[in-house]
Amino acid sequence: MTITVKFVGAFRHFSGASKLELDFKDLKSVSDLMAMLIREMPEIESSLVDQHLEKLNPNTLILVNDKEIGVLDGVESILNDGDEVVFVPVVHGG
């Protein structure tokens, strides 16, 4: 299964690229993708996961095929061959 992963903003710094084409055999969900990215790029974990709550960092927006995962099944959203996943850091100002 091939997934296109795009990184916006600070996520590009962690990945070293704005776009990756990744081939997976056992990838089923966004959660699986996040775990794989954290294994390969440990420095991305603090941006993806809230360490105190042990869940997706609220300052991270994840899109699967242009749909925010909150309107799908969250981090358990199923991924299919050819899907595009985009990681966007949310920046708040005041």
PDB file of N, CA and C in Angstrom:
ATOM      1  N   MET A   1       0.845  -1.164   0.000  1.00  0.00           N
ATOM      2  CA  MET A   1       0.000   0.000   0.000  1.00  0.00           C
ATOM      3  C   MET A   1       0.894   1.231   0.000  1.00  0.00           C
ATOM      4  N   THR A   2       0.603   2.174  -0.866  1.00  0.00           N
ATOM      5  CA  THR A   2       1.367   3.406  -0.953  1.00  0.00           C
ATOM      6  C   THR A   2       0.521   4.564  -0.435  1.00  0.00           C
ATOM      7  N   ILE A   3       1.099   5.326   0.489  1.00  0.00           N
ATOM      8  CA  ILE A   3       0.449   6.502   1.073  1.00  0.00           C
ATOM      9  C   ILE A   3       1.338   7.708   0.795  1.00  0.00           C
ATOM     10  N   THR A   4       0.723   8.816   0.393  1.00  0.00           N
ATOM     11  CA  THR A   4       1.449  10.072   0.258  1.00  0.00           C
ATOM     12  C   THR A   4       1.284  10.829   1.560  1.00  0.00           C
ATOM     13  N   VAL A   5       2.384  11.211   2.160  1.00  0.00           N
ATOM     14  CA  VAL A   5       2.372  11.964   3.416  1.00  0.00           C
ATOM     15  C   VAL A   5       2.969  13.338   3.134  1.00  0.00           C
ATOM     16  N   LYS A   6       2.206  14.383   3.466  1.00  0.00           N
ATOM     17  CA  LYS A   6       2.679  15.749   3.272  1.00  0.00           C
ATOM     18  C   LYS A   6       2.836  16.406   4.635  1.00  0.00           C
ATOM     19  N   PHE A   7       3.865  17.233   4.750  1.00  0.00           N
ATOM     20  CA  PHE A   7       4.156  17.950   5.976  1.00  0.00           C
ATOM     21  C   PHE A   7       4.133  19.443   5.695  1.00  0.00           C
ATOM     22  N   VAL A   8       3.426  20.182   6.533  1.00  0.00           N
ATOM     23  CA  VAL A   8       3.310  21.627   6.389  1.00  0.00           C
ATOM     24  C   VAL A   8       4.002  22.285   7.583  1.00  0.00           C
ATOM     25  N   GLY A   9       4.565  23.447   7.366  1.00  0.00           N
ATOM     26  CA  GLY A   9       5.165  24.219   8.446  1.00  0.00           C
ATOM     27  C   GLY A   9       6.279  23.492   9.169  1.00  0.00           C
ATOM     28  N   ALA A  10       6.216  23.523  10.503  1.00  0.00           N
ATOM     29  CA  ALA A  10       7.274  22.934  11.331  1.00  0.00           C
ATOM     30  C   ALA A  10       7.449  21.441  11.080  1.00  0.00           C
ATOM     31  N   PHE A  11       6.419  20.755  10.641  1.00  0.00           N
ATOM     32  CA  PHE A  11       6.544  19.322  10.379  1.00  0.00           C
ATOM     33  C   PHE A  11       7.552  19.026   9.265  1.00  0.00           C
ATOM     34  N   ARG A  12       7.741  19.982   8.356  1.00  0.00           N
ATOM     35  CA  ARG A  12       8.757  19.810   7.313  1.00  0.00           C
ATOM     36  C   ARG A  12      10.151  19.721   7.920  1.00  0.00           C
ATOM     37  N   HIS A  13      10.369  20.477   8.986  1.00  0.00           N
ATOM     38  CA  HIS A  13      11.667  20.454   9.670  1.00  0.00           C
ATOM     39  C   HIS A  13      11.979  19.046  10.182  1.00  0.00           C
ATOM     40  N   PHE A  14      10.993  18.386  10.790  1.00  0.00           N
ATOM     41  CA  PHE A  14      11.204  17.054  11.353  1.00  0.00           C
ATOM     42  C   PHE A  14      11.435  16.001  10.274  1.00  0.00           C
ATOM     43  N   SER A  15      10.702  16.134   9.177  1.00  0.00           N
ATOM     44  CA  SER A  15      10.772  15.119   8.131  1.00  0.00           C
ATOM     45  C   SER A  15      11.899  15.374   7.135  1.00  0.00           C
ATOM     46  N   GLY A  16      12.319  16.622   7.027  1.00  0.00           N
ATOM     47  CA  GLY A  16      13.335  16.969   6.045  1.00  0.00           C
ATOM     48  C   GLY A  16      12.786  17.045   4.635  1.00  0.00           C
ATOM     49  N   ALA A  17      11.450  16.961   4.511  1.00  0.00           N
ATOM     50  CA  ALA A  17      10.813  17.013   3.196  1.00  0.00           C
ATOM     51  C   ALA A  17       9.387  17.522   3.360  1.00  0.00           C
ATOM     52  N   SER A  18       8.839  18.048   2.292  1.00  0.00           N
ATOM     53  CA  SER A  18       7.442  18.481   2.362  1.00  0.00           C
ATOM     54  C   SER A  18       6.490  17.365   1.944  1.00  0.00           C
ATOM     55  N   LYS A  19       7.050  16.335   1.276  1.00  0.00           N
ATOM     56  CA  LYS A  19       6.203  15.253   0.784  1.00  0.00           C
ATOM     57  C   LYS A  19       6.992  13.952   0.739  1.00  0.00           C
ATOM     58  N   LEU A  20       6.366  12.875   1.196  1.00  0.00           N
ATOM     59  CA  LEU A  20       6.975  11.548   1.135  1.00  0.00           C
ATOM     60  C   LEU A  20       5.993  10.572   0.518  1.00  0.00           C
ATOM     61  N   GLU A  21       6.492   9.685  -0.289  1.00  0.00           N
ATOM     62  CA  GLU A  21       5.703   8.569  -0.802  1.00  0.00           C
ATOM     63  C   GLU A  21       6.173   7.343  -0.024  1.00  0.00           C
ATOM     64  N   LEU A  22       5.300   6.773   0.785  1.00  0.00           N
ATOM     65  CA  LEU A  22       5.692   5.666   1.649  1.00  0.00           C
ATOM     66  C   LEU A  22       4.932   4.405   1.278  1.00  0.00           C
ATOM     67  N   ASP A  23       5.647   3.291   1.280  1.00  0.00           N
ATOM     68  CA  ASP A  23       5.049   1.994   0.968  1.00  0.00           C
ATOM     69  C   ASP A  23       4.948   1.197   2.260  1.00  0.00           C
ATOM     70  N   PHE A  24       3.746   0.797   2.610  1.00  0.00           N
ATOM     71  CA  PHE A  24       3.497   0.082   3.860  1.00  0.00           C
ATOM     72  C   PHE A  24       2.839  -1.258   3.603  1.00  0.00           C
ATOM     73  N   LYS A  25       3.157  -2.211   4.446  1.00  0.00           N
ATOM     74  CA  LYS A  25       2.506  -3.517   4.347  1.00  0.00           C
ATOM     75  C   LYS A  25       1.459  -3.692   5.439  1.00  0.00           C
ATOM     76  N   ASP A  26       1.775  -3.251   6.667  1.00  0.00           N
ATOM     77  CA  ASP A  26       0.885  -3.502   7.798  1.00  0.00           C
ATOM     78  C   ASP A  26       0.197  -2.246   8.316  1.00  0.00           C
ATOM     79  N   LEU A  27       0.171  -1.201   7.553  1.00  0.00           N
ATOM     80  CA  LEU A  27      -0.439   0.046   7.982  1.00  0.00           C
ATOM     81  C   LEU A  27      -1.949  -0.027   7.806  1.00  0.00           C
ATOM     82  N   LYS A  28      -2.683   0.270   8.883  1.00  0.00           N
ATOM     83  CA  LYS A  28      -4.141   0.209   8.804  1.00  0.00           C
ATOM     84  C   LYS A  28      -4.816   1.540   9.093  1.00  0.00           C
ATOM     85  N   SER A  29      -4.221   2.341   9.986  1.00  0.00           N
ATOM     86  CA  SER A  29      -4.898   3.559  10.432  1.00  0.00           C
ATOM     87  C   SER A  29      -3.922   4.731  10.560  1.00  0.00           C
ATOM     88  N   VAL A  30      -4.500   5.896  10.797  1.00  0.00           N
ATOM     89  CA  VAL A  30      -3.690   7.088  11.043  1.00  0.00           C
ATOM     90  C   VAL A  30      -2.818   6.861  12.276  1.00  0.00           C
ATOM     91  N   SER A  31      -3.360   6.192  13.267  1.00  0.00           N
ATOM     92  CA  SER A  31      -2.595   5.874  14.479  1.00  0.00           C
ATOM     93  C   SER A  31      -1.352   5.049  14.140  1.00  0.00           C
ATOM     94  N   ASP A  32      -1.495   4.064  13.273  1.00  0.00           N
ATOM     95  CA  ASP A  32      -0.354   3.249  12.835  1.00  0.00           C
ATOM     96  C   ASP A  32       0.676   4.118  12.118  1.00  0.00           C
ATOM     97  N   LEU A  33       0.199   5.042  11.278  1.00  0.00           N
ATOM     98  CA  LEU A  33       1.098   5.942  10.561  1.00  0.00           C
ATOM     99  C   LEU A  33       1.851   6.830  11.547  1.00  0.00           C
ATOM    100  N   MET A  34       1.135   7.368  12.526  1.00  0.00           N
ATOM    101  CA  MET A  34       1.786   8.212  13.533  1.00  0.00           C
ATOM    102  C   MET A  34       2.863   7.437  14.279  1.00  0.00           C
ATOM    103  N   ALA A  35       2.561   6.201  14.664  1.00  0.00           N
ATOM    104  CA  ALA A  35       3.537   5.375  15.378  1.00  0.00           C
ATOM    105  C   ALA A  35       4.775   5.132  14.525  1.00  0.00           C
ATOM    106  N   MET A  36       4.579   4.865  13.237  1.00  0.00           N
ATOM    107  CA  MET A  36       5.702   4.640  12.327  1.00  0.00           C
ATOM    108  C   MET A  36       6.539   5.909  12.178  1.00  0.00           C
ATOM    109  N   LEU A  37       5.871   7.065  12.035  1.00  0.00           N
ATOM    110  CA  LEU A  37       6.597   8.325  11.896  1.00  0.00           C
ATOM    111  C   LEU A  37       7.401   8.626  13.158  1.00  0.00           C
ATOM    112  N   ILE A  38       6.832   8.347  14.323  1.00  0.00           N
ATOM    113  CA  ILE A  38       7.539   8.587  15.589  1.00  0.00           C
ATOM    114  C   ILE A  38       8.749   7.667  15.710  1.00  0.00           C
ATOM    115  N   ARG A  39       8.617   6.425  15.261  1.00  0.00           N
ATOM    116  CA  ARG A  39       9.773   5.507  15.281  1.00  0.00           C
ATOM    117  C   ARG A  39      10.885   6.012  14.377  1.00  0.00           C
ATOM    118  N   GLU A  40      10.516   6.494  13.198  1.00  0.00           N
ATOM    119  CA  GLU A  40      11.501   6.949  12.215  1.00  0.00           C
ATOM    120  C   GLU A  40      12.033   8.350  12.510  1.00  0.00           C
ATOM    121  N   MET A  41      11.200   9.193  13.119  1.00  0.00           N
ATOM    122  CA  MET A  41      11.563  10.589  13.411  1.00  0.00           C
ATOM    123  C   MET A  41      11.137  10.908  14.840  1.00  0.00           C
ATOM    124  N   PRO A  42      11.852  10.442  15.846  1.00  0.00           N
ATOM    125  CA  PRO A  42      11.434  10.612  17.245  1.00  0.00           C
ATOM    126  C   PRO A  42      11.157  12.064  17.641  1.00  0.00           C
ATOM    127  N   GLU A  43      11.834  13.010  17.017  1.00  0.00           N
ATOM    128  CA  GLU A  43      11.645  14.414  17.372  1.00  0.00           C
ATOM    129  C   GLU A  43      10.259  14.948  17.006  1.00  0.00           C
ATOM    130  N   ILE A  44       9.515  14.215  16.174  1.00  0.00           N
ATOM    131  CA  ILE A  44       8.174  14.641  15.777  1.00  0.00           C
ATOM    132  C   ILE A  44       7.132  14.328  16.857  1.00  0.00           C
ATOM    133  N   GLU A  45       7.491  13.442  17.786  1.00  0.00           N
ATOM    134  CA  GLU A  45       6.510  12.978  18.784  1.00  0.00           C
ATOM    135  C   GLU A  45       5.911  14.117  19.604  1.00  0.00           C
ATOM    136  N   SER A  46       6.718  15.047  20.071  1.00  0.00           N
ATOM    137  CA  SER A  46       6.194  16.120  20.922  1.00  0.00           C
ATOM    138  C   SER A  46       5.188  17.005  20.179  1.00  0.00           C
ATOM    139  N   SER A  47       5.289  17.079  18.871  1.00  0.00           N
ATOM    140  CA  SER A  47       4.331  17.856  18.088  1.00  0.00           C
ATOM    141  C   SER A  47       3.066  17.066  17.778  1.00  0.00           C
ATOM    142  N   LEU A  48       3.175  15.748  17.709  1.00  0.00           N
ATOM    143  CA  LEU A  48       2.016  14.915  17.387  1.00  0.00           C
ATOM    144  C   LEU A  48       1.222  14.467  18.599  1.00  0.00           C
ATOM    145  N   VAL A  49       1.913  14.213  19.716  1.00  0.00           N
ATOM    146  CA  VAL A  49       1.262  13.588  20.868  1.00  0.00           C
ATOM    147  C   VAL A  49       1.386  14.475  22.105  1.00  0.00           C
ATOM    148  N   ASP A  50       0.243  14.714  22.768  1.00  0.00           N
ATOM    149  CA  ASP A  50       0.257  15.408  24.051  1.00  0.00           C
ATOM    150  C   ASP A  50       0.720  14.406  25.097  1.00  0.00           C
ATOM    151  N   GLN A  51       1.889  14.626  25.673  1.00  0.00           N
ATOM    152  CA  GLN A  51       2.501  13.657  26.591  1.00  0.00           C
ATOM    153  C   GLN A  51       1.673  13.444  27.857  1.00  0.00           C
ATOM    154  N   HIS A  52       0.960  14.463  28.313  1.00  0.00           N
ATOM    155  CA  HIS A  52       0.167  14.332  29.528  1.00  0.00           C
ATOM    156  C   HIS A  52      -1.128  13.560  29.278  1.00  0.00           C
ATOM    157  N   LEU A  53      -1.748  13.811  28.156  1.00  0.00           N
ATOM    158  CA  LEU A  53      -3.018  13.151  27.834  1.00  0.00           C
ATOM    159  C   LEU A  53      -2.830  11.855  27.055  1.00  0.00           C
ATOM    160  N   GLU A  54      -1.624  11.661  26.509  1.00  0.00           N
ATOM    161  CA  GLU A  54      -1.304  10.502  25.680  1.00  0.00           C
ATOM    162  C   GLU A  54      -2.287  10.344  24.520  1.00  0.00           C
ATOM    163  N   LYS A  55      -2.587  11.466  23.886  1.00  0.00           N
ATOM    164  CA  LYS A  55      -3.440  11.450  22.697  1.00  0.00           C
ATOM    165  C   LYS A  55      -2.971  12.533  21.742  1.00  0.00           C
ATOM    166  N   LEU A  56      -3.608  12.619  20.596  1.00  0.00           N
ATOM    167  CA  LEU A  56      -3.210  13.579  19.569  1.00  0.00           C
ATOM    168  C   LEU A  56      -3.134  14.983  20.143  1.00  0.00           C
ATOM    169  N   ASN A  57      -2.038  15.649  19.871  1.00  0.00           N
ATOM    170  CA  ASN A  57      -1.827  17.022  20.310  1.00  0.00           C
ATOM    171  C   ASN A  57      -2.895  17.912  19.666  1.00  0.00           C
ATOM    172  N   PRO A  58      -3.606  18.722  20.454  1.00  0.00           N
ATOM    173  CA  PRO A  58      -4.653  19.576  19.874  1.00  0.00           C
ATOM    174  C   PRO A  58      -4.105  20.643  18.922  1.00  0.00           C
ATOM    175  N   ASN A  59      -2.791  20.837  18.910  1.00  0.00           N
ATOM    176  CA  ASN A  59      -2.179  21.799  17.992  1.00  0.00           C
ATOM    177  C   ASN A  59      -1.734  21.152  16.686  1.00  0.00           C
ATOM    178  N   THR A  60      -2.261  19.969  16.419  1.00  0.00           N
ATOM    179  CA  THR A  60      -1.946  19.264  15.183  1.00  0.00           C
ATOM    180  C   THR A  60      -3.226  18.977  14.417  1.00  0.00           C
ATOM    181  N   LEU A  61      -3.231  19.346  13.168  1.00  0.00           N
ATOM    182  CA  LEU A  61      -4.355  19.070  12.281  1.00  0.00           C
ATOM    183  C   LEU A  61      -3.903  17.992  11.307  1.00  0.00           C
ATOM    184  N   ILE A  62      -4.691  16.922  11.206  1.00  0.00           N
ATOM    185  CA  ILE A  62      -4.361  15.841  10.274  1.00  0.00           C
ATOM    186  C   ILE A  62      -5.516  15.684   9.296  1.00  0.00           C
ATOM    187  N   LEU A  63      -5.174  15.709   8.027  1.00  0.00           N
ATOM    188  CA  LEU A  63      -6.164  15.548   6.961  1.00  0.00           C
ATOM    189  C   LEU A  63      -5.898  14.248   6.220  1.00  0.00           C
ATOM    190  N   VAL A  64      -6.961  13.513   5.936  1.00  0.00           N
ATOM    191  CA  VAL A  64      -6.868  12.330   5.087  1.00  0.00           C
ATOM    192  C   VAL A  64      -7.745  12.615   3.876  1.00  0.00           C
ATOM    193  N   ASN A  65      -7.124  12.687   2.725  1.00  0.00           N
ATOM    194  CA  ASN A  65      -7.834  13.009   1.483  1.00  0.00           C
ATOM    195  C   ASN A  65      -8.671  14.281   1.643  1.00  0.00           C
ATOM    196  N   ASP A  66      -8.060  15.314   2.214  1.00  0.00           N
ATOM    197  CA  ASP A  66      -8.662  16.639   2.403  1.00  0.00           C
ATOM    198  C   ASP A  66      -9.765  16.694   3.451  1.00  0.00           C
ATOM    199  N   LYS A  67      -9.933  15.649   4.259  1.00  0.00           N
ATOM    200  CA  LYS A  67     -10.929  15.656   5.336  1.00  0.00           C
ATOM    201  C   LYS A  67     -10.208  15.577   6.665  1.00  0.00           C
ATOM    202  N   GLU A  68     -10.572  16.480   7.589  1.00  0.00           N
ATOM    203  CA  GLU A  68      -9.988  16.481   8.918  1.00  0.00           C
ATOM    204  C   GLU A  68     -10.399  15.191   9.621  1.00  0.00           C
ATOM    205  N   ILE A  69      -9.448  14.538  10.287  1.00  0.00           N
ATOM    206  CA  ILE A  69      -9.742  13.220  10.867  1.00  0.00           C
ATOM    207  C   ILE A  69     -10.828  13.271  11.936  1.00  0.00           C
ATOM    208  N   GLY A  70     -11.120  14.454  12.494  1.00  0.00           N
ATOM    209  CA  GLY A  70     -12.191  14.596  13.477  1.00  0.00           C
ATOM    210  C   GLY A  70     -13.564  14.279  12.898  1.00  0.00           C
ATOM    211  N   VAL A  71     -13.738  14.462  11.591  1.00  0.00           N
ATOM    212  CA  VAL A  71     -15.018  14.136  10.962  1.00  0.00           C
ATOM    213  C   VAL A  71     -15.026  12.701  10.437  1.00  0.00           C
ATOM    214  N   LEU A  72     -13.900  12.034  10.576  1.00  0.00           N
ATOM    215  CA  LEU A  72     -13.796  10.620  10.199  1.00  0.00           C
ATOM    216  C   LEU A  72     -13.819   9.823  11.512  1.00  0.00           C
ATOM    217  N   ASP A  73     -12.857   8.982  11.731  1.00  0.00           N
ATOM    218  CA  ASP A  73     -12.773   8.202  12.964  1.00  0.00           C
ATOM    219  C   ASP A  73     -11.564   8.593  13.805  1.00  0.00           C
ATOM    220  N   GLY A  74     -11.169   9.866  13.741  1.00  0.00           N
ATOM    221  CA  GLY A  74     -10.022  10.324  14.513  1.00  0.00           C
ATOM    222  C   GLY A  74      -8.761   9.591  14.096  1.00  0.00           C
ATOM    223  N   VAL A  75      -7.891   9.309  15.071  1.00  0.00           N
ATOM    224  CA  VAL A  75      -6.632   8.638  14.749  1.00  0.00           C
ATOM    225  C   VAL A  75      -6.850   7.187  14.328  1.00  0.00           C
ATOM    226  N   GLU A  76      -8.060   6.678  14.535  1.00  0.00           N
ATOM    227  CA  GLU A  76      -8.368   5.316  14.091  1.00  0.00           C
ATOM    228  C   GLU A  76      -8.932   5.291  12.673  1.00  0.00           C
ATOM    229  N   SER A  77      -8.922   6.437  11.979  1.00  0.00           N
ATOM    230  CA  SER A  77      -9.371   6.491  10.583  1.00  0.00           C
ATOM    231  C   SER A  77      -8.561   5.507   9.755  1.00  0.00           C
ATOM    232  N   ILE A  78      -9.248   4.706   8.982  1.00  0.00           N
ATOM    233  CA  ILE A  78      -8.624   3.673   8.155  1.00  0.00           C
ATOM    234  C   ILE A  78      -7.974   4.322   6.932  1.00  0.00           C
ATOM    235  N   LEU A  79      -6.773   3.850   6.609  1.00  0.00           N
ATOM    236  CA  LEU A  79      -6.055   4.313   5.424  1.00  0.00           C
ATOM    237  C   LEU A  79      -6.116   3.258   4.337  1.00  0.00           C
ATOM    238  N   ASN A  80      -6.211   3.726   3.103  1.00  0.00           N
ATOM    239  CA  ASN A  80      -6.277   2.840   1.946  1.00  0.00           C
ATOM    240  C   ASN A  80      -5.179   3.202   0.952  1.00  0.00           C
ATOM    241  N   ASP A  81      -4.862   2.273   0.089  1.00  0.00           N
ATOM    242  CA  ASP A  81      -3.861   2.490  -0.944  1.00  0.00           C
ATOM    243  C   ASP A  81      -4.187   3.762  -1.720  1.00  0.00           C
ATOM    244  N   GLY A  82      -3.199   4.625  -1.883  1.00  0.00           N
ATOM    245  CA  GLY A  82      -3.370   5.850  -2.646  1.00  0.00           C
ATOM    246  C   GLY A  82      -3.829   7.047  -1.836  1.00  0.00           C
ATOM    247  N   ASP A  83      -4.102   6.867  -0.543  1.00  0.00           N
ATOM    248  CA  ASP A  83      -4.546   7.980   0.288  1.00  0.00           C
ATOM    249  C   ASP A  83      -3.439   9.016   0.453  1.00  0.00           C
ATOM    250  N   GLU A  84      -3.872  10.245   0.738  1.00  0.00           N
ATOM    251  CA  GLU A  84      -2.953  11.325   1.046  1.00  0.00           C
ATOM    252  C   GLU A  84      -3.234  11.795   2.473  1.00  0.00           C
ATOM    253  N   VAL A  85      -2.194  11.837   3.287  1.00  0.00           N
ATOM    254  CA  VAL A  85      -2.305  12.296   4.670  1.00  0.00           C
ATOM    255  C   VAL A  85      -1.444  13.548   4.811  1.00  0.00           C
ATOM    256  N   VAL A  86      -2.046  14.610   5.365  1.00  0.00           N
ATOM    257  CA  VAL A  86      -1.342  15.880   5.523  1.00  0.00           C
ATOM    258  C   VAL A  86      -1.298  16.237   7.005  1.00  0.00           C
ATOM    259  N   PHE A  87      -0.105  16.569   7.491  1.00  0.00           N
ATOM    260  CA  PHE A  87       0.097  16.992   8.877  1.00  0.00           C
ATOM    261  C   PHE A  87       0.341  18.497   8.882  1.00  0.00           C
ATOM    262  N   VAL A  88      -0.509  19.227   9.625  1.00  0.00           N
ATOM    263  CA  VAL A  88      -0.446  20.688   9.664  1.00  0.00           C
ATOM    264  C   VAL A  88      -0.344  21.138  11.117  1.00  0.00           C
ATOM    265  N   PRO A  89       0.679  21.920  11.475  1.00  0.00           N
ATOM    266  CA  PRO A  89       0.724  22.456  12.831  1.00  0.00           C
ATOM    267  C   PRO A  89      -0.254  23.627  12.937  1.00  0.00           C
ATOM    268  N   VAL A  90      -0.978  23.687  14.035  1.00  0.00           N
ATOM    269  CA  VAL A  90      -1.915  24.790  14.258  1.00  0.00           C
ATOM    270  C   VAL A  90      -1.215  25.814  15.145  1.00  0.00           C
ATOM    271  N   VAL A  91      -1.174  27.034  14.671  1.00  0.00           N
ATOM    272  CA  VAL A  91      -0.490  28.094  15.410  1.00  0.00           C
ATOM    273  C   VAL A  91      -1.554  29.065  15.904  1.00  0.00           C
ATOM    274  N   HIS A  92      -1.505  29.353  17.213  1.00  0.00           N
ATOM    275  CA  HIS A  92      -2.448  30.288  17.821  1.00  0.00           C
ATOM    276  C   HIS A  92      -1.706  31.572  18.146  1.00  0.00           C
ATOM    277  N   GLY A  93      -2.390  32.658  17.992  1.00  0.00           N
ATOM    278  CA  GLY A  93      -1.769  33.927  18.317  1.00  0.00           C
ATOM    279  C   GLY A  93      -2.743  34.808  19.080  1.00  0.00           C
ATOM    280  N   GLY A  94      -2.232  35.892  19.526  1.00  0.00           N
ATOM    281  CA  GLY A  94      -3.142  36.763  20.273  1.00  0.00           C
ATOM    282  C   GLY A  94      -2.606  38.155  20.363  1.00  0.00           C
TER     283      GLY A  94
END
